PDB file of N, CA and C in Angstrom:
ATOM      1  N   MET A   1     147.304 159.843  91.756  1.00  0.00           N
ATOM      2  CA  MET A   1     148.315 159.829  92.785  1.00  0.00           C
ATOM      3  C   MET A   1     149.418 160.791  92.354  1.00  0.00           C
ATOM      4  N   ASP A   2     150.066 161.411  93.299  1.00  0.00           N
ATOM      5  CA  ASP A   2     151.137 162.379  93.086  1.00  0.00           C
ATOM      6  C   ASP A   2     152.201 161.798  92.154  1.00  0.00           C
ATOM      7  N   THR A   3     152.671 162.616  91.213  1.00  0.00           N
ATOM      8  CA  THR A   3     153.683 162.134  90.278  1.00  0.00           C
ATOM      9  C   THR A   3     155.035 161.929  90.937  1.00  0.00           C
ATOM     10  N   ASP A   4     155.242 162.441  92.154  1.00  0.00           N
ATOM     11  CA  ASP A   4     156.490 162.204  92.877  1.00  0.00           C
ATOM     12  C   ASP A   4     156.526 160.821  93.515  1.00  0.00           C
ATOM     13  N   VAL A   5     155.436 160.103  93.453  1.00  0.00           N
ATOM     14  CA  VAL A   5     155.376 158.751  94.010  1.00  0.00           C
ATOM     15  C   VAL A   5     155.744 157.771  92.899  1.00  0.00           C
ATOM     16  N   PRO A   6     156.811 156.981  93.093  1.00  0.00           N
ATOM     17  CA  PRO A   6     157.199 156.012  92.064  1.00  0.00           C
ATOM     18  C   PRO A   6     156.043 155.059  91.742  1.00  0.00           C
ATOM     19  N   SER A   7     155.954 154.659  90.480  1.00  0.00           N
ATOM     20  CA  SER A   7     154.814 153.843  90.060  1.00  0.00           C
ATOM     21  C   SER A   7     154.720 152.531  90.831  1.00  0.00           C
ATOM     22  N   ALA A   8     155.845 151.916  91.180  1.00  0.00           N
ATOM     23  CA  ALA A   8     155.799 150.656  91.938  1.00  0.00           C
ATOM     24  C   ALA A   8     155.161 150.869  93.305  1.00  0.00           C
ATOM     25  N   VAL A   9     155.473 151.995  93.942  1.00  0.00           N
ATOM     26  CA  VAL A   9     154.898 152.315  95.255  1.00  0.00           C
ATOM     27  C   VAL A   9     153.424 152.669  95.096  1.00  0.00           C
ATOM     28  N   ALA A  10     153.103 153.463  94.077  1.00  0.00           N
ATOM     29  CA  ALA A  10     151.711 153.856  93.838  1.00  0.00           C
ATOM     30  C   ALA A  10     150.837 152.640  93.553  1.00  0.00           C
ATOM     31  N   ASP A  11     151.339 151.714  92.743  1.00  0.00           N
ATOM     32  CA  ASP A  11     150.573 150.509  92.427  1.00  0.00           C
ATOM     33  C   ASP A  11     150.265 149.708  93.685  1.00  0.00           C
ATOM     34  N   GLU A  12     151.267 149.538  94.546  1.00  0.00           N
ATOM     35  CA  GLU A  12     151.055 148.803  95.802  1.00  0.00           C
ATOM     36  C   GLU A  12     150.064 149.541  96.698  1.00  0.00           C
ATOM     37  N   ALA A  13     150.200 150.864  96.783  1.00  0.00           N
ATOM     38  CA  ALA A  13     149.310 151.650  97.641  1.00  0.00           C
ATOM     39  C   ALA A  13     147.857 151.525  97.185  1.00  0.00           C
ATOM     40  N   LEU A  14     147.622 151.577  95.888  1.00  0.00           N
ATOM     41  CA  LEU A  14     146.254 151.445  95.385  1.00  0.00           C
ATOM     42  C   LEU A  14     145.698 150.051  95.660  1.00  0.00           C
ATOM     43  N   ALA A  15     146.542 149.031  95.551  1.00  0.00           N
ATOM     44  CA  ALA A  15     146.106 147.673  95.889  1.00  0.00           C
ATOM     45  C   ALA A  15     145.760 147.572  97.374  1.00  0.00           C
ATOM     46  N   VAL A  16     146.538 148.251  98.212  1.00  0.00           N
ATOM     47  CA  VAL A  16     146.283 148.252  99.655  1.00  0.00           C
ATOM     48  C   VAL A  16     144.943 148.911  99.960  1.00  0.00           C
ATOM     49  N   VAL A  17     144.662 150.042  99.320  1.00  0.00           N
ATOM     50  CA  VAL A  17     143.376 150.715  99.534  1.00  0.00           C
ATOM     51  C   VAL A  17     142.232 149.772  99.158  1.00  0.00           C
ATOM     52  N   GLY A  18     142.353 149.116  98.023  1.00  0.00           N
ATOM     53  CA  GLY A  18     141.310 148.187  97.596  1.00  0.00           C
ATOM     54  C   GLY A  18     141.100 147.052  98.580  1.00  0.00           C
ATOM     55  N   GLU A  19     142.187 146.440  99.029  1.00  0.00           N
ATOM     56  CA  GLU A  19     142.095 145.330  99.990  1.00  0.00           C
ATOM     57  C   GLU A  19     141.525 145.800 101.322  1.00  0.00           C
ATOM     58  N   ALA A  20     141.974 146.959 101.790  1.00  0.00           N
ATOM     59  CA  ALA A  20     141.493 147.474 103.076  1.00  0.00           C
ATOM     60  C   ALA A  20     139.999 147.777 103.019  1.00  0.00           C
ATOM     61  N   LEU A  21     139.543 148.398 101.933  1.00  0.00           N
ATOM     62  CA  LEU A  21     138.116 148.704 101.816  1.00  0.00           C
ATOM     63  C   LEU A  21     137.283 147.434 101.635  1.00  0.00           C
ATOM     64  N   THR A  22     137.841 146.441 100.966  1.00  0.00           N
ATOM     65  CA  THR A  22     137.164 145.149 100.863  1.00  0.00           C
ATOM     66  C   THR A  22     136.993 144.534 102.241  1.00  0.00           C
ATOM     67  N   ASN A  23     138.040 144.609 103.065  1.00  0.00           N
ATOM     68  CA  ASN A  23     137.955 144.089 104.434  1.00  0.00           C
ATOM     69  C   ASN A  23     136.889 144.827 105.239  1.00  0.00           C
ATOM     70  N   VAL A  24     136.825 146.144 105.088  1.00  0.00           N
ATOM     71  CA  VAL A  24     135.797 146.919 105.791  1.00  0.00           C
ATOM     72  C   VAL A  24     134.408 146.439 105.356  1.00  0.00           C
ATOM     73  N   ALA A  25     134.208 146.313 104.045  1.00  0.00           N
ATOM     74  CA  ALA A  25     132.896 145.912 103.530  1.00  0.00           C
ATOM     75  C   ALA A  25     132.507 144.504 103.980  1.00  0.00           C
ATOM     76  N   ARG A  26     133.469 143.598 104.029  1.00  0.00           N
ATOM     77  CA  ARG A  26     133.170 142.201 104.370  1.00  0.00           C
ATOM     78  C   ARG A  26     133.018 141.951 105.864  1.00  0.00           C
ATOM     79  N   HIS A  27     133.804 142.647 106.677  1.00  0.00           N
ATOM     80  CA  HIS A  27     133.928 142.244 108.073  1.00  0.00           C
ATOM     81  C   HIS A  27     133.520 143.286 109.109  1.00  0.00           C
ATOM     82  N   ALA A  28     133.605 144.563 108.787  1.00  0.00           N
ATOM     83  CA  ALA A  28     133.513 145.590 109.831  1.00  0.00           C
ATOM     84  C   ALA A  28     132.087 145.967 110.229  1.00  0.00           C
ATOM     85  N   ARG A  29     131.126 145.703 109.348  1.00  0.00           N
ATOM     86  CA  ARG A  29     129.758 146.189 109.592  1.00  0.00           C
ATOM     87  C   ARG A  29     129.773 147.702 109.865  1.00  0.00           C
ATOM     88  N   ALA A  30     130.598 148.402 109.118  1.00  0.00           N
ATOM     89  CA  ALA A  30     130.761 149.850 109.286  1.00  0.00           C
ATOM     90  C   ALA A  30     129.737 150.604 108.450  1.00  0.00           C
ATOM     91  N   THR A  31     129.433 151.804 108.892  1.00  0.00           N
ATOM     92  CA  THR A  31     128.602 152.708 108.097  1.00  0.00           C
ATOM     93  C   THR A  31     129.444 153.798 107.455  1.00  0.00           C
ATOM     94  N   ARG A  32     130.719 153.838 107.809  1.00  0.00           N
ATOM     95  CA  ARG A  32     131.611 154.864 107.266  1.00  0.00           C
ATOM     96  C   ARG A  32     133.045 154.338 107.239  1.00  0.00           C
ATOM     97  N   ALA A  33     133.760 154.668 106.168  1.00  0.00           N
ATOM     98  CA  ALA A  33     135.193 154.397 106.068  1.00  0.00           C
ATOM     99  C   ALA A  33     135.848 155.635 105.475  1.00  0.00           C
ATOM    100  N   GLU A  34     137.040 155.938 105.937  1.00  0.00           N
ATOM    101  CA  GLU A  34     137.785 157.091 105.429  1.00  0.00           C
ATOM    102  C   GLU A  34     139.165 156.629 104.992  1.00  0.00           C
ATOM    103  N   VAL A  35     139.625 157.175 103.866  1.00  0.00           N
ATOM    104  CA  VAL A  35     140.942 156.856 103.325  1.00  0.00           C
ATOM    105  C   VAL A  35     141.744 158.141 103.224  1.00  0.00           C
ATOM    106  N   SER A  36     142.978 158.081 103.690  1.00  0.00           N
ATOM    107  CA  SER A  36     143.908 159.205 103.565  1.00  0.00           C
ATOM    108  C   SER A  36     145.210 158.668 102.983  1.00  0.00           C
ATOM    109  N   ILE A  37     145.732 159.347 101.969  1.00  0.00           N
ATOM    110  CA  ILE A  37     147.026 158.988 101.382  1.00  0.00           C
ATOM    111  C   ILE A  37     147.888 160.237 101.419  1.00  0.00           C
ATOM    112  N   THR A  38     149.037 160.128 102.095  1.00  0.00           N
ATOM    113  CA  THR A  38     149.908 161.281 102.290  1.00  0.00           C
ATOM    114  C   THR A  38     151.333 160.929 101.895  1.00  0.00           C
ATOM    115  N   ALA A  39     151.954 161.802 101.118  1.00  0.00           N
ATOM    116  CA  ALA A  39     153.375 161.677 100.807  1.00  0.00           C
ATOM    117  C   ALA A  39     154.091 162.805 101.539  1.00  0.00           C
ATOM    118  N   ALA A  40     154.901 162.446 102.541  1.00  0.00           N
ATOM    119  CA  ALA A  40     155.611 163.450 103.336  1.00  0.00           C
ATOM    120  C   ALA A  40     156.810 162.809 104.013  1.00  0.00           C
ATOM    121  N   GLU A  41     157.837 163.600 104.209  1.00  0.00           N
ATOM    122  CA  GLU A  41     159.029 163.181 104.939  1.00  0.00           C
ATOM    123  C   GLU A  41     159.611 161.878 104.402  1.00  0.00           C
ATOM    124  N   GLY A  42     159.576 161.719 103.082  1.00  0.00           N
ATOM    125  CA  GLY A  42     160.182 160.553 102.456  1.00  0.00           C
ATOM    126  C   GLY A  42     159.358 159.281 102.516  1.00  0.00           C
ATOM    127  N   ASN A  43     158.117 159.378 102.983  1.00  0.00           N
ATOM    128  CA  ASN A  43     157.261 158.198 103.105  1.00  0.00           C
ATOM    129  C   ASN A  43     155.914 158.424 102.439  1.00  0.00           C
ATOM    130  N   LEU A  44     155.311 157.332 102.023  1.00  0.00           N
ATOM    131  CA  LEU A  44     153.921 157.343 101.594  1.00  0.00           C
ATOM    132  C   LEU A  44     153.136 156.612 102.673  1.00  0.00           C
ATOM    133  N   THR A  45     152.110 157.272 103.204  1.00  0.00           N
ATOM    134  CA  THR A  45     151.298 156.685 104.264  1.00  0.00           C
ATOM    135  C   THR A  45     149.858 156.579 103.794  1.00  0.00           C
ATOM    136  N   VAL A  46     149.329 155.374 103.863  1.00  0.00           N
ATOM    137  CA  VAL A  46     147.923 155.111 103.570  1.00  0.00           C
ATOM    138  C   VAL A  46     147.253 154.806 104.902  1.00  0.00           C
ATOM    139  N   THR A  47     146.212 155.562 105.229  1.00  0.00           N
ATOM    140  CA  THR A  47     145.461 155.328 106.459  1.00  0.00           C
ATOM    141  C   THR A  47     144.007 155.063 106.092  1.00  0.00           C
ATOM    142  N   VAL A  48     143.474 153.971 106.610  1.00  0.00           N
ATOM    143  CA  VAL A  48     142.070 153.622 106.393  1.00  0.00           C
ATOM    144  C   VAL A  48     141.437 153.431 107.766  1.00  0.00           C
ATOM    145  N   THR A  49     140.400 154.213 108.051  1.00  0.00           N
ATOM    146  CA  THR A  49     139.686 154.079 109.323  1.00  0.00           C
ATOM    147  C   THR A  49     138.223 153.762 109.035  1.00  0.00           C
ATOM    148  N   ASP A  50     137.599 153.069 109.982  1.00  0.00           N
ATOM    149  CA  ASP A  50     136.175 152.791 109.855  1.00  0.00           C
ATOM    150  C   ASP A  50     135.519 152.904 111.223  1.00  0.00           C
ATOM    151  N   ASN A  51     134.208 152.886 111.222  1.00  0.00           N
ATOM    152  CA  ASN A  51     133.458 152.953 112.476  1.00  0.00           C
ATOM    153  C   ASN A  51     132.755 151.631 112.760  1.00  0.00           C
ATOM    154  N   GLY A  52     133.385 150.546 112.339  1.00  0.00           N
ATOM    155  CA  GLY A  52     132.786 149.225 112.474  1.00  0.00           C
ATOM    156  C   GLY A  52     133.006 148.584 113.829  1.00  0.00           C
ATOM    157  N   VAL A  53     132.880 147.266 113.844  1.00  0.00           N
ATOM    158  CA  VAL A  53     132.911 146.497 115.090  1.00  0.00           C
ATOM    159  C   VAL A  53     134.319 146.249 115.616  1.00  0.00           C
ATOM    160  N   GLY A  54     135.336 146.597 114.850  1.00  0.00           N
ATOM    161  CA  GLY A  54     136.712 146.364 115.294  1.00  0.00           C
ATOM    162  C   GLY A  54     137.174 144.963 114.945  1.00  0.00           C
ATOM    163  N   LEU A  55     138.393 144.655 115.337  1.00  0.00           N
ATOM    164  CA  LEU A  55     138.985 143.355 115.031  1.00  0.00           C
ATOM    165  C   LEU A  55     138.507 142.307 116.019  1.00  0.00           C
ATOM    166  N   SER A  56     138.211 141.131 115.502  1.00  0.00           N
ATOM    167  CA  SER A  56     137.850 140.037 116.396  1.00  0.00           C
ATOM    168  C   SER A  56     139.119 139.322 116.846  1.00  0.00           C
ATOM    169  N   ALA A  57     139.120 138.859 118.066  1.00  0.00           N
ATOM    170  CA  ALA A  57     140.273 138.124 118.592  1.00  0.00           C
ATOM    171  C   ALA A  57     140.375 136.784 117.873  1.00  0.00           C
ATOM    172  N   GLY A  58     141.580 136.468 117.418  1.00  0.00           N
ATOM    173  CA  GLY A  58     141.816 135.164 116.816  1.00  0.00           C
ATOM    174  C   GLY A  58     141.268 134.973 115.420  1.00  0.00           C
ATOM    175  N   GLY A  59     140.922 136.050 114.732  1.00  0.00           N
ATOM    176  CA  GLY A  59     140.434 135.924 113.363  1.00  0.00           C
ATOM    177  C   GLY A  59     141.541 135.470 112.421  1.00  0.00           C
ATOM    178  N   ARG A  60     141.174 135.051 111.200  1.00  0.00           N
ATOM    179  CA  ARG A  60     142.143 134.512 110.249  1.00  0.00           C
ATOM    180  C   ARG A  60     143.117 135.564 109.743  1.00  0.00           C
ATOM    181  N   ARG A  61     142.623 136.687 109.315  1.00  0.00           N
ATOM    182  CA  ARG A  61     143.422 137.847 108.934  1.00  0.00           C
ATOM    183  C   ARG A  61     144.414 137.621 107.785  1.00  0.00           C
ATOM    184  N   SER A  62     144.099 136.765 106.832  1.00  0.00           N
ATOM    185  CA  SER A  62     145.015 136.557 105.712  1.00  0.00           C
ATOM    186  C   SER A  62     145.145 137.825 104.873  1.00  0.00           C
ATOM    187  N   GLY A  63     144.073 138.604 104.767  1.00  0.00           N
ATOM    188  CA  GLY A  63     144.156 139.868 104.034  1.00  0.00           C
ATOM    189  C   GLY A  63     145.099 140.840 104.700  1.00  0.00           C
ATOM    190  N   LEU A  64     145.069 140.908 106.029  1.00  0.00           N
ATOM    191  CA  LEU A  64     145.987 141.790 106.754  1.00  0.00           C
ATOM    192  C   LEU A  64     147.426 141.313 106.608  1.00  0.00           C
ATOM    193  N   ARG A  65     147.618 140.016 106.588  1.00  0.00           N
ATOM    194  CA  ARG A  65     148.968 139.474 106.392  1.00  0.00           C
ATOM    195  C   ARG A  65     149.497 139.890 105.018  1.00  0.00           C
ATOM    196  N   ASN A  66     148.634 139.843 104.010  1.00  0.00           N
ATOM    197  CA  ASN A  66     149.009 140.266 102.666  1.00  0.00           C
ATOM    198  C   ASN A  66     149.414 141.739 102.648  1.00  0.00           C
ATOM    199  N   LEU A  67     148.671 142.588 103.348  1.00  0.00           N
ATOM    200  CA  LEU A  67     149.004 144.015 103.395  1.00  0.00           C
ATOM    201  C   LEU A  67     150.339 144.241 104.096  1.00  0.00           C
ATOM    202  N   THR A  68     150.591 143.483 105.154  1.00  0.00           N
ATOM    203  CA  THR A  68     151.872 143.582 105.860  1.00  0.00           C
ATOM    204  C   THR A  68     153.012 143.179 104.939  1.00  0.00           C
ATOM    205  N   GLU A  69     152.840 142.088 104.209  1.00  0.00           N
ATOM    206  CA  GLU A  69     153.882 141.625 103.284  1.00  0.00           C
ATOM    207  C   GLU A  69     154.143 142.649 102.184  1.00  0.00           C
ATOM    208  N   ARG A  70     153.104 143.310 101.710  1.00  0.00           N
ATOM    209  CA  ARG A  70     153.291 144.357 100.691  1.00  0.00           C
ATOM    210  C   ARG A  70     154.144 145.498 101.246  1.00  0.00           C
ATOM    211  N   ALA A  71     153.863 145.904 102.477  1.00  0.00           N
ATOM    212  CA  ALA A  71     154.644 146.983 103.101  1.00  0.00           C
ATOM    213  C   ALA A  71     156.087 146.552 103.308  1.00  0.00           C
ATOM    214  N   GLU A  72     156.284 145.378 103.875  1.00  0.00           N
ATOM    215  CA  GLU A  72     157.639 144.900 104.157  1.00  0.00           C
ATOM    216  C   GLU A  72     158.444 144.715 102.880  1.00  0.00           C
ATOM    217  N   GLY A  73     157.786 144.326 101.791  1.00  0.00           N
ATOM    218  CA  GLY A  73     158.466 144.175 100.509  1.00  0.00           C
ATOM    219  C   GLY A  73     159.027 145.482  99.975  1.00  0.00           C
ATOM    220  N   LEU A  74     158.477 146.599 100.445  1.00  0.00           N
ATOM    221  CA  LEU A  74     158.955 147.925 100.042  1.00  0.00           C
ATOM    222  C   LEU A  74     159.765 148.597 101.147  1.00  0.00           C
ATOM    223  N   GLY A  75     160.105 147.840 102.198  1.00  0.00           N
ATOM    224  CA  GLY A  75     160.890 148.409 103.293  1.00  0.00           C
ATOM    225  C   GLY A  75     160.067 149.177 104.303  1.00  0.00           C
ATOM    226  N   GLY A  76     158.767 148.927 104.338  1.00  0.00           N
ATOM    227  CA  GLY A  76     157.879 149.660 105.236  1.00  0.00           C
ATOM    228  C   GLY A  76     157.241 148.774 106.282  1.00  0.00           C
ATOM    229  N   ARG A  77     156.099 149.247 106.781  1.00  0.00           N
ATOM    230  CA  ARG A  77     155.395 148.522 107.842  1.00  0.00           C
ATOM    231  C   ARG A  77     153.898 148.773 107.706  1.00  0.00           C
ATOM    232  N   MET A  78     153.140 147.916 108.365  1.00  0.00           N
ATOM    233  CA  MET A  78     151.697 148.073 108.421  1.00  0.00           C
ATOM    234  C   MET A  78     151.261 147.799 109.845  1.00  0.00           C
ATOM    235  N   GLU A  79     150.409 148.673 110.367  1.00  0.00           N
ATOM    236  CA  GLU A  79     149.864 148.494 111.707  1.00  0.00           C
ATOM    237  C   GLU A  79     148.354 148.600 111.626  1.00  0.00           C
ATOM    238  N   VAL A  80     147.690 147.798 112.422  1.00  0.00           N
ATOM    239  CA  VAL A  80     146.233 147.865 112.495  1.00  0.00           C
ATOM    240  C   VAL A  80     145.839 147.728 113.956  1.00  0.00           C
ATOM    241  N   ALA A  81     144.930 148.586 114.376  1.00  0.00           N
ATOM    242  CA  ALA A  81     144.528 148.605 115.786  1.00  0.00           C
ATOM    243  C   ALA A  81     143.175 149.289 115.898  1.00  0.00           C
ATOM    244  N   GLY A  82     142.627 149.252 117.098  1.00  0.00           N
ATOM    245  CA  GLY A  82     141.430 150.031 117.369  1.00  0.00           C
ATOM    246  C   GLY A  82     141.754 151.508 117.214  1.00  0.00           C
ATOM    247  N   ARG A  83     140.755 152.293 116.905  1.00  0.00           N
ATOM    248  CA  ARG A  83     140.972 153.733 116.734  1.00  0.00           C
ATOM    249  C   ARG A  83     141.403 154.352 118.052  1.00  0.00           C
ATOM    250  N   ASP A  84     142.247 155.377 117.966  1.00  0.00           N
ATOM    251  CA  ASP A  84     142.741 156.042 119.176  1.00  0.00           C
ATOM    252  C   ASP A  84     142.072 157.396 119.419  1.00  0.00           C
ATOM    253  N   ASP A  85     140.982 157.652 118.687  1.00  0.00           N
ATOM    254  CA  ASP A  85     140.292 158.936 118.841  1.00  0.00           C
ATOM    255  C   ASP A  85     139.003 158.813 119.650  1.00  0.00           C
ATOM    256  N   GLY A  86     138.846 157.692 120.341  1.00  0.00           N
ATOM    257  CA  GLY A  86     137.660 157.500 121.164  1.00  0.00           C
ATOM    258  C   GLY A  86     136.457 156.957 120.411  1.00  0.00           C
ATOM    259  N   GLU A  87     136.577 156.830 119.103  1.00  0.00           N
ATOM    260  CA  GLU A  87     135.482 156.304 118.288  1.00  0.00           C
ATOM    261  C   GLU A  87     135.600 154.787 118.170  1.00  0.00           C
ATOM    262  N   ARG A  88     134.495 154.156 117.874  1.00  0.00           N
ATOM    263  CA  ARG A  88     134.474 152.721 117.631  1.00  0.00           C
ATOM    264  C   ARG A  88     135.053 152.446 116.246  1.00  0.00           C
ATOM    265  N   GLY A  89     135.730 151.325 116.062  1.00  0.00           N
ATOM    266  CA  GLY A  89     136.215 150.952 114.747  1.00  0.00           C
ATOM    267  C   GLY A  89     137.679 150.589 114.740  1.00  0.00           C
ATOM    268  N   THR A  90     138.235 150.602 113.544  1.00  0.00           N
ATOM    269  CA  THR A  90     139.595 150.147 113.308  1.00  0.00           C
ATOM    270  C   THR A  90     140.350 151.201 112.510  1.00  0.00           C
ATOM    271  N   CYS A  91     141.651 151.272 112.755  1.00  0.00           N
ATOM    272  CA  CYS A  91     142.540 152.148 111.990  1.00  0.00           C
ATOM    273  C   CYS A  91     143.690 151.309 111.444  1.00  0.00           C
ATOM    274  N   LEU A  92     143.863 151.341 110.142  1.00  0.00           N
ATOM    275  CA  LEU A  92     144.968 150.664 109.477  1.00  0.00           C
ATOM    276  C   LEU A  92     145.915 151.738 108.965  1.00  0.00           C
ATOM    277  N   GLU A  93     147.205 151.589 109.261  1.00  0.00           N
ATOM    278  CA  GLU A  93     148.210 152.513 108.726  1.00  0.00           C
ATOM    279  C   GLU A  93     149.264 151.696 107.999  1.00  0.00           C
ATOM    280  N   TRP A  94     149.444 152.000 106.722  1.00  0.00           N
ATOM    281  CA  TRP A  94     150.397 151.320 105.849  1.00  0.00           C
ATOM    282  C   TRP A  94     151.407 152.378 105.422  1.00  0.00           C
ATOM    283  N   LYS A  95     152.668 152.200 105.803  1.00  0.00           N
ATOM    284  CA  LYS A  95     153.669 153.250 105.580  1.00  0.00           C
ATOM    285  C   LYS A  95     154.911 152.651 104.933  1.00  0.00           C
ATOM    286  N   VAL A  96     155.313 153.238 103.796  1.00  0.00           N
ATOM    287  CA  VAL A  96     156.493 152.763 103.072  1.00  0.00           C
ATOM    288  C   VAL A  96     157.332 153.953 102.618  1.00  0.00           C
ATOM    289  N   PRO A  97     158.642 153.736 102.447  1.00  0.00           N
ATOM    290  CA  PRO A  97     159.470 154.816 101.911  1.00  0.00           C
ATOM    291  C   PRO A  97     159.104 155.106 100.452  1.00  0.00           C
ATOM    292  N   LEU A  98     159.190 156.376 100.077  1.00  0.00           N
ATOM    293  CA  LEU A  98     158.922 156.739  98.687  1.00  0.00           C
ATOM    294  C   LEU A  98     159.963 156.144  97.747  1.00  0.00           C
ATOM    295  N   VAL A  99     161.160 155.956  98.248  1.00  0.00           N
ATOM    296  CA  VAL A  99     162.209 155.299  97.477  1.00  0.00           C
ATOM    297  C   VAL A  99     162.527 153.992  98.192  1.00  0.00           C
ATOM    298  N   PRO A 100     161.948 152.881  97.728  1.00  0.00           N
ATOM    299  CA  PRO A 100     162.182 151.607  98.401  1.00  0.00           C
ATOM    300  C   PRO A 100     163.657 151.219  98.375  1.00  0.00           C
ATOM    301  N   PRO A 101     164.115 150.503  99.404  1.00  0.00           N
ATOM    302  CA  PRO A 101     165.510 150.065  99.426  1.00  0.00           C
ATOM    303  C   PRO A 101     165.780 149.106  98.272  1.00  0.00           C
ATOM    304  N   THR A 102     166.981 149.130  97.772  1.00  0.00           N
ATOM    305  CA  THR A 102     167.352 148.211  96.695  1.00  0.00           C
ATOM    306  C   THR A 102     167.979 146.964  97.297  1.00  0.00           C
ATOM    307  N   GLY A 103     167.900 145.892  96.558  1.00  0.00           N
ATOM    308  CA  GLY A 103     168.547 144.674  97.039  1.00  0.00           C
ATOM    309  C   GLY A 103     167.655 143.592  97.124  1.00  0.00           C
TER     310      GLY A 103
END
């Protein structure tokens, strides 16, 4: 990971990638997953997309709740939705500031 990314942020981001890929493997029935990690404009963005079955309505989603809490703990956010590129599957975007707020 880029040395400009603080270790606390990098550690959380790597945990997020692991959890997201675990979710894909367990639930998505996907044949492909893609991970993108970008540091730009003061933020670190982790994007994980797959070509699986998408989110089921009313699922438990404790793993997604954990990812959201990780983002919020660093002053960021996490969104998950169907892909917007016309393909089947899910897109998760986890975005946090490179310099988390203090306090």
